[in-house]
Amino acid sequence: MKKIIIALFFVLFATSAFSYSCPMLWGEVDELLKTAGDNGKTAAQIDEIKQLREKGKKAHDEGSHEMSEIFLKKALKILKS
């Protein structure tokens, strides 16, 4: 019984710790945004990326991690294209 409880404890906490990567995504957006102008992004694209980043952060803060990741991944797609 003790082993089952310990295993259950690790499963529950391991999945919650790695379930969302919002902060890592917006950190990557922030890093790529620093050189976006130098990498050929227009002012309109940079504004769109900033708006997507803010929407992603807001969604994360409100607990909607899936939407946060959608916004942030869209911003990264623009940055990396």
PDB file of N, CA and C in Angstrom:
ATOM      1  N   MET A   1       0.820  -1.187   0.000  1.00  0.00           N
ATOM      2  CA  MET A   1       0.000   0.000   0.000  1.00  0.00           C
ATOM      3  C   MET A   1       0.871   1.260   0.000  1.00  0.00           C
ATOM      4  N   LYS A   2       1.944   1.216   0.759  1.00  0.00           N
ATOM      5  CA  LYS A   2       2.834   2.363   0.843  1.00  0.00           C
ATOM      6  C   LYS A   2       3.456   2.671  -0.521  1.00  0.00           C
ATOM      7  N   LYS A   3       3.820   1.636  -1.279  1.00  0.00           N
ATOM      8  CA  LYS A   3       4.408   1.832  -2.604  1.00  0.00           C
ATOM      9  C   LYS A   3       3.401   2.439  -3.572  1.00  0.00           C
ATOM     10  N   ILE A   4       2.153   2.056  -3.455  1.00  0.00           N
ATOM     11  CA  ILE A   4       1.103   2.592  -4.324  1.00  0.00           C
ATOM     12  C   ILE A   4       0.918   4.083  -4.053  1.00  0.00           C
ATOM     13  N   ILE A   5       0.898   4.461  -2.807  1.00  0.00           N
ATOM     14  CA  ILE A   5       0.726   5.874  -2.443  1.00  0.00           C
ATOM     15  C   ILE A   5       1.905   6.704  -2.943  1.00  0.00           C
ATOM     16  N   ILE A   6       3.099   6.187  -2.772  1.00  0.00           N
ATOM     17  CA  ILE A   6       4.293   6.898  -3.244  1.00  0.00           C
ATOM     18  C   ILE A   6       4.270   7.039  -4.768  1.00  0.00           C
ATOM     19  N   ALA A   7       3.916   5.974  -5.461  1.00  0.00           N
ATOM     20  CA  ALA A   7       3.845   6.024  -6.928  1.00  0.00           C
ATOM     21  C   ALA A   7       2.789   7.024  -7.377  1.00  0.00           C
ATOM     22  N   LEU A   8       1.640   7.019  -6.737  1.00  0.00           N
ATOM     23  CA  LEU A   8       0.572   7.956  -7.073  1.00  0.00           C
ATOM     24  C   LEU A   8       1.017   9.397  -6.845  1.00  0.00           C
ATOM     25  N   PHE A   9       1.721   9.640  -5.751  1.00  0.00           N
ATOM     26  CA  PHE A   9       2.249  10.961  -5.435  1.00  0.00           C
ATOM     27  C   PHE A   9       3.155  11.464  -6.553  1.00  0.00           C
ATOM     28  N   PHE A  10       4.085  10.626  -7.004  1.00  0.00           N
ATOM     29  CA  PHE A  10       5.014  11.027  -8.067  1.00  0.00           C
ATOM     30  C   PHE A  10       4.304  11.264  -9.388  1.00  0.00           C
ATOM     31  N   VAL A  11       3.332  10.451  -9.702  1.00  0.00           N
ATOM     32  CA  VAL A  11       2.588  10.619 -10.959  1.00  0.00           C
ATOM     33  C   VAL A  11       1.823  11.932 -10.950  1.00  0.00           C
ATOM     34  N   LEU A  12       1.142  12.224  -9.869  1.00  0.00           N
ATOM     35  CA  LEU A  12       0.345  13.457  -9.799  1.00  0.00           C
ATOM     36  C   LEU A  12       1.201  14.705  -9.881  1.00  0.00           C
ATOM     37  N   PHE A  13       2.307  14.731  -9.155  1.00  0.00           N
ATOM     38  CA  PHE A  13       3.127  15.927  -9.152  1.00  0.00           C
ATOM     39  C   PHE A  13       4.012  16.044 -10.385  1.00  0.00           C
ATOM     40  N   ALA A  14       4.411  14.959 -10.965  1.00  0.00           N
ATOM     41  CA  ALA A  14       5.228  15.017 -12.181  1.00  0.00           C
ATOM     42  C   ALA A  14       4.404  15.533 -13.354  1.00  0.00           C
ATOM     43  N   THR A  15       3.165  15.118 -13.474  1.00  0.00           N
ATOM     44  CA  THR A  15       2.353  15.564 -14.598  1.00  0.00           C
ATOM     45  C   THR A  15       1.979  17.032 -14.464  1.00  0.00           C
ATOM     46  N   SER A  16       1.702  17.499 -13.265  1.00  0.00           N
ATOM     47  CA  SER A  16       1.349  18.910 -13.108  1.00  0.00           C
ATOM     48  C   SER A  16       2.552  19.817 -13.295  1.00  0.00           C
ATOM     49  N   ALA A  17       3.722  19.351 -12.976  1.00  0.00           N
ATOM     50  CA  ALA A  17       4.925  20.177 -13.104  1.00  0.00           C
ATOM     51  C   ALA A  17       5.326  20.385 -14.554  1.00  0.00           C
ATOM     52  N   PHE A  18       5.041  19.441 -15.419  1.00  0.00           N
ATOM     53  CA  PHE A  18       5.478  19.526 -16.808  1.00  0.00           C
ATOM     54  C   PHE A  18       4.330  19.711 -17.790  1.00  0.00           C
ATOM     55  N   SER A  19       3.145  20.012 -17.309  1.00  0.00           N
ATOM     56  CA  SER A  19       2.001  20.034 -18.197  1.00  0.00           C
ATOM     57  C   SER A  19       1.946  21.270 -19.090  1.00  0.00           C
ATOM     58  N   TYR A  20       2.419  22.408 -18.629  1.00  0.00           N
ATOM     59  CA  TYR A  20       2.328  23.621 -19.434  1.00  0.00           C
ATOM     60  C   TYR A  20       3.691  24.289 -19.564  1.00  0.00           C
ATOM     61  N   SER A  21       3.937  24.844 -20.735  1.00  0.00           N
ATOM     62  CA  SER A  21       5.233  25.465 -20.975  1.00  0.00           C
ATOM     63  C   SER A  21       5.089  26.932 -21.348  1.00  0.00           C
ATOM     64  N   CYS A  22       4.025  27.558 -20.897  1.00  0.00           N
ATOM     65  CA  CYS A  22       3.767  28.959 -21.245  1.00  0.00           C
ATOM     66  C   CYS A  22       4.952  29.884 -20.931  1.00  0.00           C
ATOM     67  N   PRO A  23       5.489  29.858 -19.718  1.00  0.00           N
ATOM     68  CA  PRO A  23       6.594  30.782 -19.414  1.00  0.00           C
ATOM     69  C   PRO A  23       7.816  30.561 -20.308  1.00  0.00           C
ATOM     70  N   MET A  24       8.094  29.324 -20.654  1.00  0.00           N
ATOM     71  CA  MET A  24       9.229  29.063 -21.547  1.00  0.00           C
ATOM     72  C   MET A  24       8.940  29.622 -22.943  1.00  0.00           C
ATOM     73  N   LEU A  25       7.697  29.492 -23.393  1.00  0.00           N
ATOM     74  CA  LEU A  25       7.341  29.993 -24.719  1.00  0.00           C
ATOM     75  C   LEU A  25       7.443  31.505 -24.769  1.00  0.00           C
ATOM     76  N   TRP A  26       6.892  32.201 -23.768  1.00  0.00           N
ATOM     77  CA  TRP A  26       6.969  33.664 -23.861  1.00  0.00           C
ATOM     78  C   TRP A  26       8.389  34.154 -23.620  1.00  0.00           C
ATOM     79  N   GLY A  27       9.191  33.401 -22.936  1.00  0.00           N
ATOM     80  CA  GLY A  27      10.609  33.744 -22.819  1.00  0.00           C
ATOM     81  C   GLY A  27      11.306  33.644 -24.163  1.00  0.00           C
ATOM     82  N   GLU A  28      10.957  32.601 -24.924  1.00  0.00           N
ATOM     83  CA  GLU A  28      11.526  32.445 -26.266  1.00  0.00           C
ATOM     84  C   GLU A  28      11.048  33.564 -27.186  1.00  0.00           C
ATOM     85  N   VAL A  29       9.769  33.928 -27.081  1.00  0.00           N
ATOM     86  CA  VAL A  29       9.243  35.047 -27.870  1.00  0.00           C
ATOM     87  C   VAL A  29      10.012  36.316 -27.524  1.00  0.00           C
ATOM     88  N   ASP A  30      10.208  36.569 -26.247  1.00  0.00           N
ATOM     89  CA  ASP A  30      10.923  37.777 -25.816  1.00  0.00           C
ATOM     90  C   ASP A  30      12.340  37.825 -26.382  1.00  0.00           C
ATOM     91  N   GLU A  31      13.027  36.691 -26.351  1.00  0.00           N
ATOM     92  CA  GLU A  31      14.403  36.643 -26.872  1.00  0.00           C
ATOM     93  C   GLU A  31      14.438  36.904 -28.376  1.00  0.00           C
ATOM     94  N   LEU A  32      13.557  36.261 -29.124  1.00  0.00           N
ATOM     95  CA  LEU A  32      13.549  36.436 -30.580  1.00  0.00           C
ATOM     96  C   LEU A  32      13.047  37.818 -30.977  1.00  0.00           C
ATOM     97  N   LEU A  33      12.202  38.399 -30.139  1.00  0.00           N
ATOM     98  CA  LEU A  33      11.657  39.727 -30.426  1.00  0.00           C
ATOM     99  C   LEU A  33      12.739  40.800 -30.372  1.00  0.00           C
ATOM    100  N   LYS A  34      13.767  40.582 -29.581  1.00  0.00           N
ATOM    101  CA  LYS A  34      14.858  41.555 -29.461  1.00  0.00           C
ATOM    102  C   LYS A  34      15.556  41.807 -30.793  1.00  0.00           C
ATOM    103  N   THR A  35      15.614  40.786 -31.643  1.00  0.00           N
ATOM    104  CA  THR A  35      16.310  40.921 -32.928  1.00  0.00           C
ATOM    105  C   THR A  35      15.361  40.797 -34.116  1.00  0.00           C
ATOM    106  N   ALA A  36      14.070  40.913 -33.866  1.00  0.00           N
ATOM    107  CA  ALA A  36      13.089  40.726 -34.941  1.00  0.00           C
ATOM    108  C   ALA A  36      13.269  41.744 -36.064  1.00  0.00           C
ATOM    109  N   GLY A  37      13.512  42.992 -35.711  1.00  0.00           N
ATOM    110  CA  GLY A  37      13.710  44.025 -36.727  1.00  0.00           C
ATOM    111  C   GLY A  37      14.943  43.758 -37.576  1.00  0.00           C
ATOM    112  N   ASP A  38      15.990  43.284 -36.949  1.00  0.00           N
ATOM    113  CA  ASP A  38      17.227  42.971 -37.664  1.00  0.00           C
ATOM    114  C   ASP A  38      17.065  41.745 -38.562  1.00  0.00           C
ATOM    115  N   ASN A  39      16.081  40.911 -38.238  1.00  0.00           N
ATOM    116  CA  ASN A  39      15.855  39.690 -39.011  1.00  0.00           C
ATOM    117  C   ASN A  39      14.774  39.851 -40.077  1.00  0.00           C
ATOM    118  N   GLY A  40      14.458  41.089 -40.412  1.00  0.00           N
ATOM    119  CA  GLY A  40      13.573  41.359 -41.533  1.00  0.00           C
ATOM    120  C   GLY A  40      12.093  41.422 -41.212  1.00  0.00           C
ATOM    121  N   LYS A  41      11.731  41.475 -39.952  1.00  0.00           N
ATOM    122  CA  LYS A  41      10.314  41.580 -39.586  1.00  0.00           C
ATOM    123  C   LYS A  41       9.884  43.034 -39.695  1.00  0.00           C
ATOM    124  N   THR A  42       8.693  43.237 -40.236  1.00  0.00           N
ATOM    125  CA  THR A  42       8.156  44.585 -40.391  1.00  0.00           C
ATOM    126  C   THR A  42       7.594  45.071 -39.063  1.00  0.00           C
ATOM    127  N   ALA A  43       7.328  46.371 -38.997  1.00  0.00           N
ATOM    128  CA  ALA A  43       6.745  46.945 -37.781  1.00  0.00           C
ATOM    129  C   ALA A  43       5.375  46.333 -37.500  1.00  0.00           C
ATOM    130  N   ALA A  44       4.601  46.062 -38.554  1.00  0.00           N
ATOM    131  CA  ALA A  44       3.281  45.446 -38.382  1.00  0.00           C
ATOM    132  C   ALA A  44       3.413  44.032 -37.814  1.00  0.00           C
ATOM    133  N   GLN A  45       4.393  43.281 -38.297  1.00  0.00           N
ATOM    134  CA  GLN A  45       4.613  41.929 -37.778  1.00  0.00           C
ATOM    135  C   GLN A  45       5.048  41.981 -36.315  1.00  0.00           C
ATOM    136  N   ILE A  46       5.917  42.906 -35.988  1.00  0.00           N
ATOM    137  CA  ILE A  46       6.388  43.042 -34.608  1.00  0.00           C
ATOM    138  C   ILE A  46       5.238  43.421 -33.688  1.00  0.00           C
ATOM    139  N   ASP A  47       4.364  44.314 -34.138  1.00  0.00           N
ATOM    140  CA  ASP A  47       3.195  44.680 -33.335  1.00  0.00           C
ATOM    141  C   ASP A  47       2.282  43.474 -33.122  1.00  0.00           C
ATOM    142  N   GLU A  48       2.070  42.680 -34.183  1.00  0.00           N
ATOM    143  CA  GLU A  48       1.228  41.488 -34.059  1.00  0.00           C
ATOM    144  C   GLU A  48       1.839  40.486 -33.081  1.00  0.00           C
ATOM    145  N   ILE A  49       3.141  40.308 -33.150  1.00  0.00           N
ATOM    146  CA  ILE A  49       3.846  39.394 -32.238  1.00  0.00           C
ATOM    147  C   ILE A  49       3.691  39.867 -30.796  1.00  0.00           C
ATOM    148  N   LYS A  50       3.839  41.163 -30.575  1.00  0.00           N
ATOM    149  CA  LYS A  50       3.699  41.710 -29.218  1.00  0.00           C
ATOM    150  C   LYS A  50       2.283  41.513 -28.689  1.00  0.00           C
ATOM    151  N   GLN A  51       1.287  41.706 -29.559  1.00  0.00           N
ATOM    152  CA  GLN A  51      -0.102  41.495 -29.147  1.00  0.00           C
ATOM    153  C   GLN A  51      -0.362  40.030 -28.813  1.00  0.00           C
ATOM    154  N   LEU A  52       0.170  39.124 -29.635  1.00  0.00           N
ATOM    155  CA  LEU A  52       0.006  37.696 -29.367  1.00  0.00           C
ATOM    156  C   LEU A  52       0.699  37.312 -28.065  1.00  0.00           C
ATOM    157  N   ARG A  53       1.851  37.886 -27.811  1.00  0.00           N
ATOM    158  CA  ARG A  53       2.581  37.602 -26.576  1.00  0.00           C
ATOM    159  C   ARG A  53       1.775  38.043 -25.365  1.00  0.00           C
ATOM    160  N   GLU A  54       1.195  39.237 -25.441  1.00  0.00           N
ATOM    161  CA  GLU A  54       0.389  39.745 -24.328  1.00  0.00           C
ATOM    162  C   GLU A  54      -0.875  38.904 -24.137  1.00  0.00           C
ATOM    163  N   LYS A  55      -1.515  38.507 -25.234  1.00  0.00           N
ATOM    164  CA  LYS A  55      -2.697  37.641 -25.131  1.00  0.00           C
ATOM    165  C   LYS A  55      -2.316  36.302 -24.494  1.00  0.00           C
ATOM    166  N   GLY A  56      -1.157  35.783 -24.869  1.00  0.00           N
ATOM    167  CA  GLY A  56      -0.685  34.526 -24.300  1.00  0.00           C
ATOM    168  C   GLY A  56      -0.412  34.635 -22.818  1.00  0.00           C
ATOM    169  N   LYS A  57       0.209  35.719 -22.402  1.00  0.00           N
ATOM    170  CA  LYS A  57       0.489  35.927 -20.975  1.00  0.00           C
ATOM    171  C   LYS A  57      -0.805  36.094 -20.194  1.00  0.00           C
ATOM    172  N   LYS A  58      -1.745  36.868 -20.759  1.00  0.00           N
ATOM    173  CA  LYS A  58      -3.026  37.087 -20.090  1.00  0.00           C
ATOM    174  C   LYS A  58      -3.793  35.770 -19.954  1.00  0.00           C
ATOM    175  N   ALA A  59      -3.818  34.971 -21.017  1.00  0.00           N
ATOM    176  CA  ALA A  59      -4.508  33.686 -20.959  1.00  0.00           C
ATOM    177  C   ALA A  59      -3.875  32.785 -19.899  1.00  0.00           C
ATOM    178  N   HIS A  60      -2.559  32.789 -19.820  1.00  0.00           N
ATOM    179  CA  HIS A  60      -1.852  32.001 -18.804  1.00  0.00           C
ATOM    180  C   HIS A  60      -2.241  32.465 -17.400  1.00  0.00           C
ATOM    181  N   ASP A  61      -2.232  33.770 -17.193  1.00  0.00           N
ATOM    182  CA  ASP A  61      -2.567  34.322 -15.880  1.00  0.00           C
ATOM    183  C   ASP A  61      -4.000  33.997 -15.468  1.00  0.00           C
ATOM    184  N   GLU A  62      -4.884  33.853 -16.466  1.00  0.00           N
ATOM    185  CA  GLU A  62      -6.286  33.521 -16.198  1.00  0.00           C
ATOM    186  C   GLU A  62      -6.504  32.014 -16.085  1.00  0.00           C
ATOM    187  N   GLY A  63      -5.449  31.230 -16.280  1.00  0.00           N
ATOM    188  CA  GLY A  63      -5.552  29.785 -16.133  1.00  0.00           C
ATOM    189  C   GLY A  63      -5.878  29.033 -17.407  1.00  0.00           C
ATOM    190  N   SER A  64      -5.938  29.717 -18.538  1.00  0.00           N
ATOM    191  CA  SER A  64      -6.238  29.078 -19.816  1.00  0.00           C
ATOM    192  C   SER A  64      -4.927  28.776 -20.538  1.00  0.00           C
ATOM    193  N   HIS A  65      -4.262  27.732 -20.085  1.00  0.00           N
ATOM    194  CA  HIS A  65      -2.931  27.418 -20.594  1.00  0.00           C
ATOM    195  C   HIS A  65      -2.946  26.954 -22.048  1.00  0.00           C
ATOM    196  N   GLU A  66      -4.011  26.287 -22.450  1.00  0.00           N
ATOM    197  CA  GLU A  66      -4.088  25.838 -23.840  1.00  0.00           C
ATOM    198  C   GLU A  66      -4.138  27.031 -24.787  1.00  0.00           C
ATOM    199  N   MET A  67      -4.972  28.026 -24.443  1.00  0.00           N
ATOM    200  CA  MET A  67      -5.058  29.229 -25.280  1.00  0.00           C
ATOM    201  C   MET A  67      -3.745  30.003 -25.238  1.00  0.00           C
ATOM    202  N   SER A  68      -3.127  30.048 -24.098  1.00  0.00           N
ATOM    203  CA  SER A  68      -1.848  30.728 -23.967  1.00  0.00           C
ATOM    204  C   SER A  68      -0.831  30.124 -24.921  1.00  0.00           C
ATOM    205  N   GLU A  69      -0.746  28.816 -24.947  1.00  0.00           N
ATOM    206  CA  GLU A  69       0.207  28.150 -25.832  1.00  0.00           C
ATOM    207  C   GLU A  69      -0.133  28.385 -27.299  1.00  0.00           C
ATOM    208  N   ILE A  70      -1.403  28.447 -27.633  1.00  0.00           N
ATOM    209  CA  ILE A  70      -1.808  28.723 -29.023  1.00  0.00           C
ATOM    210  C   ILE A  70      -1.310  30.101 -29.445  1.00  0.00           C
ATOM    211  N   PHE A  71      -1.563  31.126 -28.624  1.00  0.00           N
ATOM    212  CA  PHE A  71      -1.121  32.491 -28.948  1.00  0.00           C
ATOM    213  C   PHE A  71       0.401  32.572 -29.051  1.00  0.00           C
ATOM    214  N   LEU A  72       1.086  31.985 -28.084  1.00  0.00           N
ATOM    215  CA  LEU A  72       2.546  32.080 -28.057  1.00  0.00           C
ATOM    216  C   LEU A  72       3.189  31.305 -29.207  1.00  0.00           C
ATOM    217  N   LYS A  73       2.642  30.168 -29.549  1.00  0.00           N
ATOM    218  CA  LYS A  73       3.186  29.401 -30.672  1.00  0.00           C
ATOM    219  C   LYS A  73       2.941  30.114 -31.998  1.00  0.00           C
ATOM    220  N   LYS A  74       1.822  30.828 -32.104  1.00  0.00           N
ATOM    221  CA  LYS A  74       1.564  31.608 -33.315  1.00  0.00           C
ATOM    222  C   LYS A  74       2.583  32.748 -33.425  1.00  0.00           C
ATOM    223  N   ALA A  75       2.891  33.389 -32.306  1.00  0.00           N
ATOM    224  CA  ALA A  75       3.908  34.451 -32.300  1.00  0.00           C
ATOM    225  C   ALA A  75       5.263  33.894 -32.697  1.00  0.00           C
ATOM    226  N   LEU A  76       5.609  32.715 -32.177  1.00  0.00           N
ATOM    227  CA  LEU A  76       6.887  32.089 -32.528  1.00  0.00           C
ATOM    228  C   LEU A  76       6.939  31.720 -34.000  1.00  0.00           C
ATOM    229  N   LYS A  77       5.823  31.277 -34.543  1.00  0.00           N
ATOM    230  CA  LYS A  77       5.780  30.914 -35.962  1.00  0.00           C
ATOM    231  C   LYS A  77       6.096  32.124 -36.828  1.00  0.00           C
ATOM    232  N   ILE A  78       5.535  33.269 -36.461  1.00  0.00           N
ATOM    233  CA  ILE A  78       5.807  34.505 -37.214  1.00  0.00           C
ATOM    234  C   ILE A  78       7.287  34.884 -37.062  1.00  0.00           C
ATOM    235  N   LEU A  79       7.792  34.785 -35.848  1.00  0.00           N
ATOM    236  CA  LEU A  79       9.188  35.145 -35.605  1.00  0.00           C
ATOM    237  C   LEU A  79      10.161  34.250 -36.364  1.00  0.00           C
ATOM    238  N   LYS A  80       9.822  32.987 -36.486  1.00  0.00           N
ATOM    239  CA  LYS A  80      10.755  32.031 -37.104  1.00  0.00           C
ATOM    240  C   LYS A  80      10.562  31.886 -38.605  1.00  0.00           C
ATOM    241  N   SER A  81       9.545  32.524 -39.152  1.00  0.00           N
ATOM    242  CA  SER A  81       9.318  32.402 -40.612  1.00  0.00           C
ATOM    243  C   SER A  81      10.139  33.396 -41.392  1.00  0.00           C
TER     244      SER A  81
END
